[in-house]
Amino acid sequence: MFLHLGGDTLVKTKTIVAIMDLETSSVSKITKEFLKKVTKLNRVVNINTYDLPKSYVICEENGEMTVYVSPISSRTINKRAEAKSIKESLNF
């Protein structure tokens, strides 16, 4: 199944490692270092440059981390992910 992160961006739900709120999680020194590192490695995808970023989604596929910066709140993305998970378990 796929999860819509905003704009034209969809990711496979099984690749999602974390859904993070940008404002609250980027205060941590470790998180700042992680985001700086993935930016330096060109592994950050800004989904929408017109709206303010509200969240980021960390995905891993084939050993590669990609961070998607989204204008959609982490709460909304998490609800979408939970709804997809329920549908998958019910075989929809």
C-alpha atoms as a PDB file:
ATOM      1  CA  MET A   1       0.000   0.000   0.000  1.00  0.00           C
ATOM      2  CA  PHE A   2       1.024   3.591  -0.526  1.00  0.00           C
ATOM      3  CA  LEU A   3       0.729   6.652   1.687  1.00  0.00           C
ATOM      4  CA  HIS A   4       0.169  10.177   0.306  1.00  0.00           C
ATOM      5  CA  LEU A   5       2.570  12.696   1.876  1.00  0.00           C
ATOM      6  CA  GLY A   6       1.432  15.776  -0.025  1.00  0.00           C
ATOM      7  CA  GLY A   7       1.854  17.160  -3.514  1.00  0.00           C
ATOM      8  CA  ASP A   8       2.431  14.294  -5.921  1.00  0.00           C
ATOM      9  CA  THR A   9       4.396  12.207  -3.443  1.00  0.00           C
ATOM     10  CA  LEU A  10       3.454   8.678  -2.446  1.00  0.00           C
ATOM     11  CA  VAL A  11       5.628   6.249  -0.476  1.00  0.00           C
ATOM     12  CA  LYS A  12       5.257   2.561   0.238  1.00  0.00           C
ATOM     13  CA  THR A  13       3.923   2.144   3.762  1.00  0.00           C
ATOM     14  CA  LYS A  14       6.323  -0.726   4.472  1.00  0.00           C
ATOM     15  CA  THR A  15       9.323   1.600   3.913  1.00  0.00           C
ATOM     16  CA  ILE A  16       8.264   4.127   6.580  1.00  0.00           C
ATOM     17  CA  VAL A  17      10.558   4.188   9.598  1.00  0.00           C
ATOM     18  CA  ALA A  18       9.172   7.288  11.345  1.00  0.00           C
ATOM     19  CA  ILE A  19       6.680  10.113  10.982  1.00  0.00           C
ATOM     20  CA  MET A  20       7.971  13.149  12.834  1.00  0.00           C
ATOM     21  CA  ASP A  21       6.642  16.584  13.758  1.00  0.00           C
ATOM     22  CA  LEU A  22       9.171  19.090  12.438  1.00  0.00           C
ATOM     23  CA  GLU A  23       8.713  21.701  15.162  1.00  0.00           C
ATOM     24  CA  THR A  24       8.979  19.457  18.210  1.00  0.00           C
ATOM     25  CA  SER A  25      11.511  16.892  17.022  1.00  0.00           C
ATOM     26  CA  SER A  26      14.031  19.245  15.425  1.00  0.00           C
ATOM     27  CA  VAL A  27      14.874  20.719  18.833  1.00  0.00           C
ATOM     28  CA  SER A  28      16.961  17.646  19.704  1.00  0.00           C
ATOM     29  CA  LYS A  29      20.696  17.833  18.973  1.00  0.00           C
ATOM     30  CA  ILE A  30      20.707  14.249  17.654  1.00  0.00           C
ATOM     31  CA  THR A  31      17.814  14.969  15.296  1.00  0.00           C
ATOM     32  CA  LYS A  32      19.505  18.126  14.029  1.00  0.00           C
ATOM     33  CA  GLU A  33      22.663  16.132  13.312  1.00  0.00           C
ATOM     34  CA  PHE A  34      20.648  13.441  11.511  1.00  0.00           C
ATOM     35  CA  LEU A  35      18.833  15.986   9.336  1.00  0.00           C
ATOM     36  CA  LYS A  36      22.106  17.770   8.552  1.00  0.00           C
ATOM     37  CA  LYS A  37      23.709  14.462   7.539  1.00  0.00           C
ATOM     38  CA  VAL A  38      20.889  13.328   5.219  1.00  0.00           C
ATOM     39  CA  THR A  39      20.797  16.810   3.676  1.00  0.00           C
ATOM     40  CA  LYS A  40      24.529  16.608   2.976  1.00  0.00           C
ATOM     41  CA  LEU A  41      23.974  13.191   1.358  1.00  0.00           C
ATOM     42  CA  ASN A  42      21.173  14.642  -0.846  1.00  0.00           C
ATOM     43  CA  ARG A  43      18.625  12.287   0.714  1.00  0.00           C
ATOM     44  CA  VAL A  44      16.020  14.977   1.522  1.00  0.00           C
ATOM     45  CA  VAL A  45      12.971  15.504  -0.679  1.00  0.00           C
ATOM     46  CA  ASN A  46      11.028  18.735  -0.137  1.00  0.00           C
ATOM     47  CA  ILE A  47       7.517  17.863  -1.213  1.00  0.00           C
ATOM     48  CA  ASN A  48       6.143  21.384  -1.401  1.00  0.00           C
ATOM     49  CA  THR A  49       8.206  24.563  -1.391  1.00  0.00           C
ATOM     50  CA  TYR A  50       5.154  26.868  -1.288  1.00  0.00           C
ATOM     51  CA  ASP A  51       3.780  25.908   2.143  1.00  0.00           C
ATOM     52  CA  LEU A  52       5.624  25.789   5.429  1.00  0.00           C
ATOM     53  CA  PRO A  53       6.951  22.328   6.289  1.00  0.00           C
ATOM     54  CA  LYS A  54       5.148  20.694   9.199  1.00  0.00           C
ATOM     55  CA  SER A  55       6.525  17.173   9.289  1.00  0.00           C
ATOM     56  CA  TYR A  56       9.035  14.812   7.860  1.00  0.00           C
ATOM     57  CA  VAL A  57       8.794  11.142   7.070  1.00  0.00           C
ATOM     58  CA  ILE A  58      11.845   8.904   7.220  1.00  0.00           C
ATOM     59  CA  CYS A  59      11.789   5.992   4.798  1.00  0.00           C
ATOM     60  CA  GLU A  60      14.273   3.199   4.220  1.00  0.00           C
ATOM     61  CA  GLU A  61      14.430   1.123   1.085  1.00  0.00           C
ATOM     62  CA  ASN A  62      17.326  -1.108   0.080  1.00  0.00           C
ATOM     63  CA  GLY A  63      19.451   0.243   2.929  1.00  0.00           C
ATOM     64  CA  GLU A  64      19.025   3.871   1.808  1.00  0.00           C
ATOM     65  CA  MET A  65      17.367   6.480   4.025  1.00  0.00           C
ATOM     66  CA  THR A  66      15.250   9.189   2.440  1.00  0.00           C
ATOM     67  CA  VAL A  67      13.620  12.023   4.363  1.00  0.00           C
ATOM     68  CA  TYR A  68      10.458  13.551   2.897  1.00  0.00           C
ATOM     69  CA  VAL A  69       9.656  17.036   4.214  1.00  0.00           C
ATOM     70  CA  SER A  70       5.895  17.560   4.058  1.00  0.00           C
ATOM     71  CA  PRO A  71       3.489  20.488   4.479  1.00  0.00           C
ATOM     72  CA  ILE A  72       0.995  18.048   6.030  1.00  0.00           C
ATOM     73  CA  SER A  73       1.020  17.628   9.799  1.00  0.00           C
ATOM     74  CA  SER A  74       2.520  14.490  11.299  1.00  0.00           C
ATOM     75  CA  ARG A  75      -0.811  13.835  12.993  1.00  0.00           C
ATOM     76  CA  THR A  76      -2.677  13.770   9.653  1.00  0.00           C
ATOM     77  CA  ILE A  77      -0.050  11.577   8.000  1.00  0.00           C
ATOM     78  CA  ASN A  78      -0.155   9.212  10.982  1.00  0.00           C
ATOM     79  CA  LYS A  79      -3.958   8.971  10.747  1.00  0.00           C
ATOM     80  CA  ARG A  80      -3.677   8.150   7.047  1.00  0.00           C
ATOM     81  CA  ALA A  81      -1.099   5.457   7.829  1.00  0.00           C
ATOM     82  CA  GLU A  82      -3.318   3.954  10.539  1.00  0.00           C
ATOM     83  CA  ALA A  83      -6.321   3.909   8.196  1.00  0.00           C
ATOM     84  CA  LYS A  84      -4.236   2.116   5.540  1.00  0.00           C
ATOM     85  CA  SER A  85      -3.049  -0.385   8.147  1.00  0.00           C
ATOM     86  CA  ILE A  86      -6.624  -1.168   9.202  1.00  0.00           C
ATOM     87  CA  LYS A  87      -7.688  -1.624   5.565  1.00  0.00           C
ATOM     88  CA  GLU A  88      -4.741  -3.961   4.930  1.00  0.00           C
ATOM     89  CA  SER A  89      -5.603  -6.111   7.945  1.00  0.00           C
ATOM     90  CA  LEU A  90      -9.212  -6.368   6.729  1.00  0.00           C
ATOM     91  CA  ASN A  91      -8.000  -7.260   3.214  1.00  0.00           C
ATOM     92  CA  PHE A  92      -9.605  -4.279   1.461  1.00  0.00           C
END
